[in-house]
Structures are given as structure tokens and as C-alpha cells.
Protein backbone atom coordinates (compact mmCIF):
# COMPACT_ATOMS: atom_id res chain seq x y z
CA MET A 1 0.00 0.00 0.00
CA HIS A 2 1.38 3.38 -1.04
CA ILE A 3 1.44 5.81 1.89
CA ARG A 4 1.23 9.50 1.07
CA ARG A 5 3.17 11.82 3.34
CA SER A 6 2.12 15.35 4.12
CA PRO A 7 4.24 17.95 2.32
CA PHE A 8 4.56 19.63 5.73
CA PHE A 9 6.78 16.83 7.10
CA TYR A 10 5.85 17.42 10.72
CA VAL A 11 7.90 15.54 13.29
CA GLY A 12 5.37 13.36 15.09
CA ASP A 13 2.90 13.19 12.22
CA LYS A 14 1.12 9.91 11.54
CA TYR A 15 3.14 8.94 8.43
CA LYS A 16 4.92 5.97 10.03
CA ILE A 17 1.82 4.58 11.73
CA ILE A 18 -1.04 5.53 9.41
CA SER A 19 -1.38 1.93 8.18
CA LYS A 20 -1.74 0.74 11.79
CA ILE A 21 -4.40 3.33 12.52
CA LYS A 22 -6.33 2.95 9.27
CA GLN A 23 -7.06 -0.72 9.87
CA TYR A 24 -9.52 0.37 12.56
CA PHE A 25 -11.31 2.96 10.40
CA PRO A 26 -14.79 2.22 9.00
CA LYS A 27 -14.75 0.65 5.53
CA LYS A 28 -17.32 3.10 4.20
CA ILE A 29 -16.86 6.81 4.86
CA ASN A 30 -19.14 9.51 3.48
CA ARG A 31 -17.51 12.57 5.01
CA PHE A 32 -14.09 12.34 6.66
CA ILE A 33 -14.08 14.97 9.40
CA GLU A 34 -10.82 15.99 11.06
CA PRO A 35 -10.81 18.72 13.75
CA PHE A 36 -7.00 18.67 14.20
CA THR A 37 -5.74 18.16 10.66
CA GLY A 38 -2.26 19.69 10.97
CA GLY A 39 -0.05 18.58 8.10
CA GLY A 40 -2.76 16.30 6.75
CA THR A 41 -1.05 12.92 6.52
CA VAL A 42 -4.19 11.12 7.73
CA PHE A 43 -6.72 12.63 5.33
CA LEU A 44 -4.26 12.09 2.46
CA ASN A 45 -4.52 8.35 3.11
CA VAL A 46 -8.29 8.04 3.61
CA ASP A 47 -10.79 7.27 0.88
CA ALA A 48 -13.96 9.30 1.42
CA LYS A 49 -16.55 11.11 -0.68
CA HIS A 50 -16.04 14.44 1.09
CA TYR A 51 -13.49 15.95 3.48
CA LEU A 52 -14.22 18.50 6.22
CA LEU A 53 -10.85 19.61 7.58
CA ASN A 54 -9.95 22.00 10.36
CA ASP A 55 -6.93 23.46 12.10
CA ILE A 56 -6.97 26.34 14.55
CA ASP A 57 -3.51 27.48 13.43
CA LYS A 58 -4.14 30.20 10.83
CA ASN A 59 -0.75 29.58 9.19
CA VAL A 60 -1.50 25.89 8.72
CA TYR A 61 -4.94 26.81 7.36
CA SER A 62 -3.46 29.37 4.94
CA LEU A 63 -0.70 27.07 3.71
CA GLN A 64 -3.07 24.15 3.18
CA ASN A 65 -5.42 26.30 1.10
CA TYR A 66 -2.44 27.78 -0.74
CA LEU A 67 -1.21 24.34 -1.81
CA LEU A 68 -4.74 23.25 -2.65
CA CYS A 69 -4.98 26.06 -5.21
CA TYR A 70 -2.12 24.54 -7.22
CA ALA A 71 -3.69 21.10 -7.59
CA THR A 72 -4.66 21.76 -11.22
CA ASP A 73 -1.30 23.30 -12.09
CA PRO A 74 1.46 21.77 -9.93
CA LYS A 75 4.20 22.67 -12.42
CA ASN A 76 3.60 26.31 -11.62
CA ILE A 77 4.32 25.97 -7.90
CA PHE A 78 7.35 23.76 -8.52
CA ASP A 79 8.75 26.44 -10.81
CA GLU A 80 8.11 29.07 -8.14
CA ILE A 81 9.73 26.94 -5.42
CA PHE A 82 12.78 26.24 -7.56
CA TYR A 83 13.12 29.97 -8.25
CA VAL A 84 13.25 30.69 -4.49
CA LEU A 85 15.72 27.86 -3.90
CA LYS A 86 18.09 29.25 -6.50
CA LYS A 87 17.62 32.86 -5.38
CA TYR A 88 18.66 32.03 -1.81
CA ASN A 89 21.13 29.31 -2.81
CA PHE A 90 19.47 26.45 -0.94
CA SER A 91 20.61 22.86 -1.38
CA ARG A 92 18.37 21.08 -3.89
CA SER A 93 19.60 17.56 -4.48
CA TYR A 94 16.37 16.62 -6.26
CA PHE A 95 17.60 18.30 -9.43
CA GLU A 96 21.22 19.32 -8.71
CA ASP A 97 23.83 18.77 -6.01
CA ILE A 98 25.50 22.09 -5.22
CA VAL A 99 26.93 21.33 -1.76
CA PRO A 100 30.77 21.35 -1.98
CA SER A 101 32.38 17.98 -1.31
CA LYS A 102 34.78 19.67 1.11
CA LEU A 103 31.87 20.79 3.28
CA LYS A 104 30.46 17.26 3.23
CA LYS A 105 33.77 15.88 4.49
CA ILE A 106 34.11 18.42 7.30
CA TRP A 107 30.49 18.26 8.46
CA LYS A 108 29.51 14.70 7.57
CA LYS A 109 26.15 14.69 9.37
CA THR A 110 25.17 18.37 9.33
CA TYR A 111 26.44 19.74 6.02
CA TYR A 112 22.96 20.69 4.79
CA ALA A 113 22.44 22.93 7.84
CA ARG A 114 25.86 24.49 7.36
CA PHE A 115 25.31 25.08 3.66
CA ASN A 116 21.76 26.48 3.96
CA LYS A 117 22.31 28.62 7.07
CA ASN A 118 22.99 31.96 5.33
CA GLY A 119 20.33 31.62 2.66
CA TYR A 120 17.77 30.54 5.26
CA ALA A 121 18.56 33.54 7.47
CA GLU A 122 18.22 35.86 4.48
CA LEU A 123 14.86 34.37 3.42
CA ARG A 124 13.56 34.49 6.99
CA LYS A 125 14.57 38.17 7.22
CA ASP A 126 12.88 39.01 3.91
CA PHE A 127 9.73 37.15 4.95
CA ASN A 128 9.52 38.85 8.34
CA GLU A 129 10.15 42.35 6.92
CA SER A 130 7.52 42.03 4.23
CA ARG A 131 4.17 43.65 5.02
CA LYS A 132 2.29 41.03 3.06
CA LYS A 133 3.38 37.58 4.21
CA ASN A 134 4.40 35.50 1.20
CA LEU A 135 3.03 31.95 1.59
CA LEU A 136 5.50 30.54 -0.91
CA GLU A 137 8.37 31.90 1.20
CA LEU A 138 6.73 30.55 4.36
CA TYR A 139 6.43 27.10 2.81
CA VAL A 140 10.13 27.10 1.83
CA LEU A 141 11.03 28.17 5.39
CA LEU A 142 8.94 25.24 6.64
CA ILE A 143 10.78 22.81 4.37
CA TYR A 144 14.23 23.95 5.53
CA GLY A 145 13.40 24.80 9.15
CA PHE A 146 14.47 22.84 12.22
CA ASN A 147 12.07 19.94 12.74
CA ARG A 148 9.92 21.63 10.08
CA MET A 149 7.78 23.58 12.50
CA LEU A 150 5.76 26.76 12.08
CA ARG A 151 6.97 28.86 14.98
CA PHE A 152 6.55 32.59 15.55
CA ASN A 153 7.66 34.86 18.41
CA SER A 154 5.42 37.22 20.41
CA LYS A 155 5.88 39.92 17.76
CA GLY A 156 4.63 37.62 15.01
CA LYS A 157 8.07 37.05 13.51
CA PHE A 158 8.98 33.62 12.18
CA ASN A 159 11.89 32.57 14.39
CA LEU A 160 12.72 28.95 13.64
CA PRO A 161 16.42 28.18 13.00
CA VAL A 162 17.62 26.27 9.96
CA GLY A 163 17.39 22.47 9.97
CA ASN A 164 19.69 19.84 8.52
CA VAL A 165 17.39 19.23 5.56
CA ASP A 166 17.29 19.48 1.79
CA PHE A 167 14.86 19.68 -1.11
CA ASN A 168 15.30 16.06 -2.12
CA LYS A 169 13.27 13.38 -3.87
CA ASN A 170 11.11 12.80 -0.79
CA VAL A 171 10.03 16.43 -0.67
CA TYR A 172 9.25 16.47 -4.38
CA ASN A 173 7.32 13.20 -4.22
CA SER A 174 5.27 14.26 -1.21
CA LEU A 175 4.13 17.40 -3.04
CA SER A 176 3.41 15.46 -6.22
CA ASP A 177 1.40 12.86 -4.29
CA TYR A 178 -0.50 15.65 -2.54
CA PHE A 179 -1.55 17.29 -5.80
CA LYS A 180 -2.55 13.99 -7.39
CA PHE A 181 -4.71 13.12 -4.40
CA VAL A 182 -6.54 16.42 -3.84
CA ILE A 183 -7.20 17.42 -7.47
CA ASN A 184 -10.63 15.78 -7.78
CA LYS A 185 -11.60 15.70 -4.10
CA ASP A 186 -14.32 17.68 -2.38
CA ILE A 187 -12.24 19.31 0.36
CA LYS A 188 -13.40 22.14 2.61
CA TRP A 189 -11.01 23.77 5.08
CA HIS A 190 -11.89 25.59 8.31
CA SER A 191 -9.88 27.32 11.03
CA LEU A 192 -11.94 27.12 14.21
CA ASP A 193 -11.56 25.94 17.77
CA PHE A 194 -12.07 22.18 17.66
CA SER A 195 -15.22 22.23 19.83
CA ILE A 196 -16.87 24.92 17.69
CA PHE A 197 -15.95 23.02 14.53
CA ILE A 198 -17.39 19.75 15.87
CA LYS A 199 -20.66 21.43 16.92
CA SER A 200 -21.05 23.32 13.63
CA ILE A 201 -21.56 20.15 11.58
CA LYS A 202 -24.92 18.59 10.78
CA TYR A 203 -23.94 14.94 10.80
CA LYS A 204 -25.10 12.48 8.15
CA LYS A 205 -25.03 8.73 7.66
CA ASP A 206 -21.53 7.23 7.35
CA ASP A 207 -19.78 10.38 8.57
CA PHE A 208 -16.55 9.61 10.42
CA VAL A 209 -14.58 11.88 12.75
CA TYR A 210 -10.88 11.28 13.37
CA LEU A 211 -9.02 13.29 16.00
CA ASP A 212 -5.33 13.66 16.70
CA PRO A 213 -5.34 16.43 19.34
CA PRO A 214 -2.38 17.98 21.12
CA TYR A 215 -1.13 15.59 23.79
CA LEU A 216 -1.64 16.78 27.35
CA ILE A 217 1.43 15.10 28.85
CA SER A 218 4.10 15.47 26.14
CA SER A 219 6.42 18.42 25.70
CA SER A 220 6.44 19.27 21.99
CA GLU A 221 5.86 22.78 20.69
CA TYR A 222 2.48 21.77 19.26
CA ASN A 223 1.16 20.82 22.70
CA LYS A 224 2.03 23.97 24.65
CA LEU A 225 -1.39 25.61 24.30
CA TRP A 226 -3.28 22.51 25.44
CA ASN A 227 -4.47 22.14 29.03
CA THR A 228 -6.72 20.06 31.29
CA ASN A 229 -9.78 22.20 30.55
CA LYS A 230 -9.44 21.51 26.83
CA GLU A 231 -8.85 17.81 27.52
CA HIS A 232 -12.14 17.66 29.47
CA LEU A 233 -13.92 19.58 26.70
CA LEU A 234 -12.52 17.14 24.14
CA THR A 235 -13.81 14.05 25.95
CA LYS A 236 -17.18 15.73 26.54
CA SER A 237 -17.44 16.55 22.81
CA LEU A 238 -16.76 12.92 21.93
CA ASP A 239 -19.35 11.68 24.39
CA GLU A 240 -21.89 13.99 22.73
CA LEU A 241 -20.99 12.68 19.28
CA ASN A 242 -21.35 9.14 20.56
CA ASN A 243 -24.84 9.94 21.87
CA LYS A 244 -25.74 11.18 18.38
CA GLY A 245 -24.55 7.91 16.81
CA VAL A 246 -21.58 9.50 15.03
CA LYS A 247 -18.58 7.22 14.58
CA TRP A 248 -15.22 8.55 15.74
CA ALA A 249 -11.66 7.48 16.49
CA ILE A 250 -9.07 9.40 18.47
CA SER A 251 -5.31 9.03 18.78
CA ASN A 252 -3.72 10.01 22.06
CA VAL A 253 -0.84 9.30 24.40
CA ALA A 254 -1.92 7.44 27.52
CA SER A 255 1.49 7.59 29.18
CA TYR A 256 4.76 9.39 28.49
CA ARG A 257 8.01 8.93 30.39
CA GLY A 258 6.29 7.68 33.50
CA ARG A 259 3.48 10.23 33.39
CA GLU A 260 -0.12 9.21 32.80
CA ASN A 261 -2.92 11.22 31.21
CA ARG A 262 -5.47 10.25 33.84
CA ILE A 263 -8.25 12.35 32.37
CA PHE A 264 -8.00 10.43 29.12
CA THR A 265 -7.21 6.96 30.50
CA THR A 266 -10.18 7.11 32.88
CA TRP A 267 -12.52 8.32 30.13
CA MET A 268 -11.38 5.81 27.49
CA ARG A 269 -12.52 2.83 29.58
CA ASN A 270 -16.03 3.45 28.26
CA TYR A 271 -14.91 2.73 24.67
CA ASN A 272 -12.73 0.42 22.57
CA VAL A 273 -9.00 0.88 23.11
CA PHE A 274 -6.27 -0.31 20.74
CA LYS A 275 -2.55 0.00 21.46
CA ILE A 276 -0.58 1.56 18.58
CA ASP A 277 3.16 0.93 18.41
CA SER A 278 4.88 4.19 17.51
CA ASN A 279 8.48 5.33 17.27
CA TYR A 280 8.39 9.10 17.27
CA ILE A 281 11.58 11.11 17.59
CA SER A 282 11.88 13.56 20.43
CA TYR A 283 11.86 17.26 19.53
CA HIS A 284 14.55 17.91 22.14
CA ASN A 285 17.09 15.14 21.79
CA ASN A 286 16.22 13.01 18.73
CA PHE A 287 15.98 9.86 20.86
CA LYS A 288 12.94 7.60 20.71
CA LYS A 289 10.30 8.54 23.24
CA GLU A 290 9.02 6.11 25.82
CA ILE A 291 5.35 6.51 25.07
CA LYS A 292 2.19 4.46 25.02
CA GLU A 293 0.02 5.61 22.15
CA VAL A 294 -3.55 4.39 21.80
CA LEU A 295 -6.40 4.62 19.35
CA VAL A 296 -9.85 4.82 20.95
CA THR A 297 -13.04 4.20 18.97
CA ASN A 298 -16.78 4.22 19.77
CA TYR A 299 -17.49 1.36 17.36
CA ASP A 300 -16.30 -2.20 16.90
CA LYS A 301 -13.59 -2.94 14.37
CA GLU A 302 -15.10 -4.07 11.08
CA LYS A 303 -13.96 -7.43 9.73
């Protein structure tokens, strides 16, 4: 089975475990509804008639819609990306290797970061100083940024340092796969708080909601704005959907480095729980995390 990866390349996305999760999804899906879409790896690997997607992060929302606009003319955006790569002298091994061999010998494991550092800083400066934020420039910053995150300071300036990454075959293929998948799909994007998004929908037969919320007990950048109040609101929202007969599945971390998400683990006892083996890399130290990830559903697995 061919797995499509989000062209956002988030660390901690569901790319490596989507096949494990998907086996528990309903066989027939009318509308695939995702309140925490993020990079979009999950929806890119789900066959549905319609897609209702949401992310509260306005930058994620803007970039997703930006890429969606190029589905009928992907060559155009590739040309634009390649122009930016050449303008700022980024490494681009997909179509030419411009990193000096001497640099590769001196910095065997980090030569991409060393090579791209100056161009990245220049692009970041140009992006931050521009009154109208250029989404193409933001996407290139995402590709070459550390751990490929969208991170801004209190003044609204993009402040992520350069990562040890490159525009290689994987980046090109992920974008190509994205455009091939979305071109004929009925996809509608929203940028709302998850609870408002969930309540705004008039549910129909064979609708399916998948949730991958921020994790209450882990320490990644994505999870910093999550708290116990939102965790309680999340479980309450799912109980309400269950009472309406709407099928849903949720990914979450039950325990992390000796800590337990008691709100979630107590609540999930009322539903079906499946352990998902995962091997995420830590944002802080690049070692594998000691985590127990689960998928919880309000329906029985279909045979």
C-alpha cells in the first residue's frame, strides 16, 4: 500500500503509523471529518466522498489552502519553489547537487544545515520584513526549518532556526502525491476551535470523525497551548458525538516517560482501546520517546 506523506513533514505526524491506525477505520466513509488536521497525513490516506478539515492554526490553514490552489497546475508551484531555492542558494539535491564535497567531508552529518544557514537567514529576514506575508516563502522556510515547524515569536516574527534538511526526492514526491490526491476531491477547510468546529456540523449517515489532538502530557511545541480544561472539553465533545450515533476514532498518548494522562485513560474505559506501536523522535534530543500511544473508537472494528 502506497502511503502519502504530508508535504509539511511534521515531526510526530502519523506517516509511520497511518497503516496501523487505518485498519480500525470504518470501511465506508461519506464525510471524513478531522478537527486537528495539521499537516494532513491522515486525510491524504483516507478514501472518502467528502473531506471536512480544520486546524486552529491560521498559518496551517493558509498554507493548506495555498497548496490546494495549485492542484490543477502543480508545475507552476514547482517552478516558483525552484526559483526561491536558486535565489537564496538552498541545497536542492532533487535536481542538482550544489553542496561542496569539502563541506560534506568536514560536516559529515550536518552539512545541509551548514550550507543552507545563510540563505535561510536571508529568506527568513525578507519574509519577516515584508508587510504582506508570502506563503511561498513561508512554505520554503517550513521545508528547511528545524524539525519543520511553524513557529513565531510574540511579535509575530517567524523565528525557527535552519534544519539539517534538503529539497530532495522525498520532498518532491510528497508534493506530487499531494496534488494527485486532492485534485478531484471535495475538500473544505476551516480554522476554528475544535469544539466549535465539531458542533457546527450537521452529521449524516456514514460520517466519520478522526481526531489527533495535542497531547496533554508530552512536551512538543504543538502541545504547549493545550491544558486540562481543553482535555475535558474534548472528551465531553466525543461523548456527545457518541450519543448522536456519530462514529469517531481518536489518537492520544496514555502515558509518556512515566506520566499518565489520567483524564483520558479514565474516560477511554467506556470505549474500545487499541494500542498503537509508535516510534516518534523527540523534539529535544532526537531519541525515541518512551510513550504508550492508543487509538480509541466508539465502534467495533469491522472485519
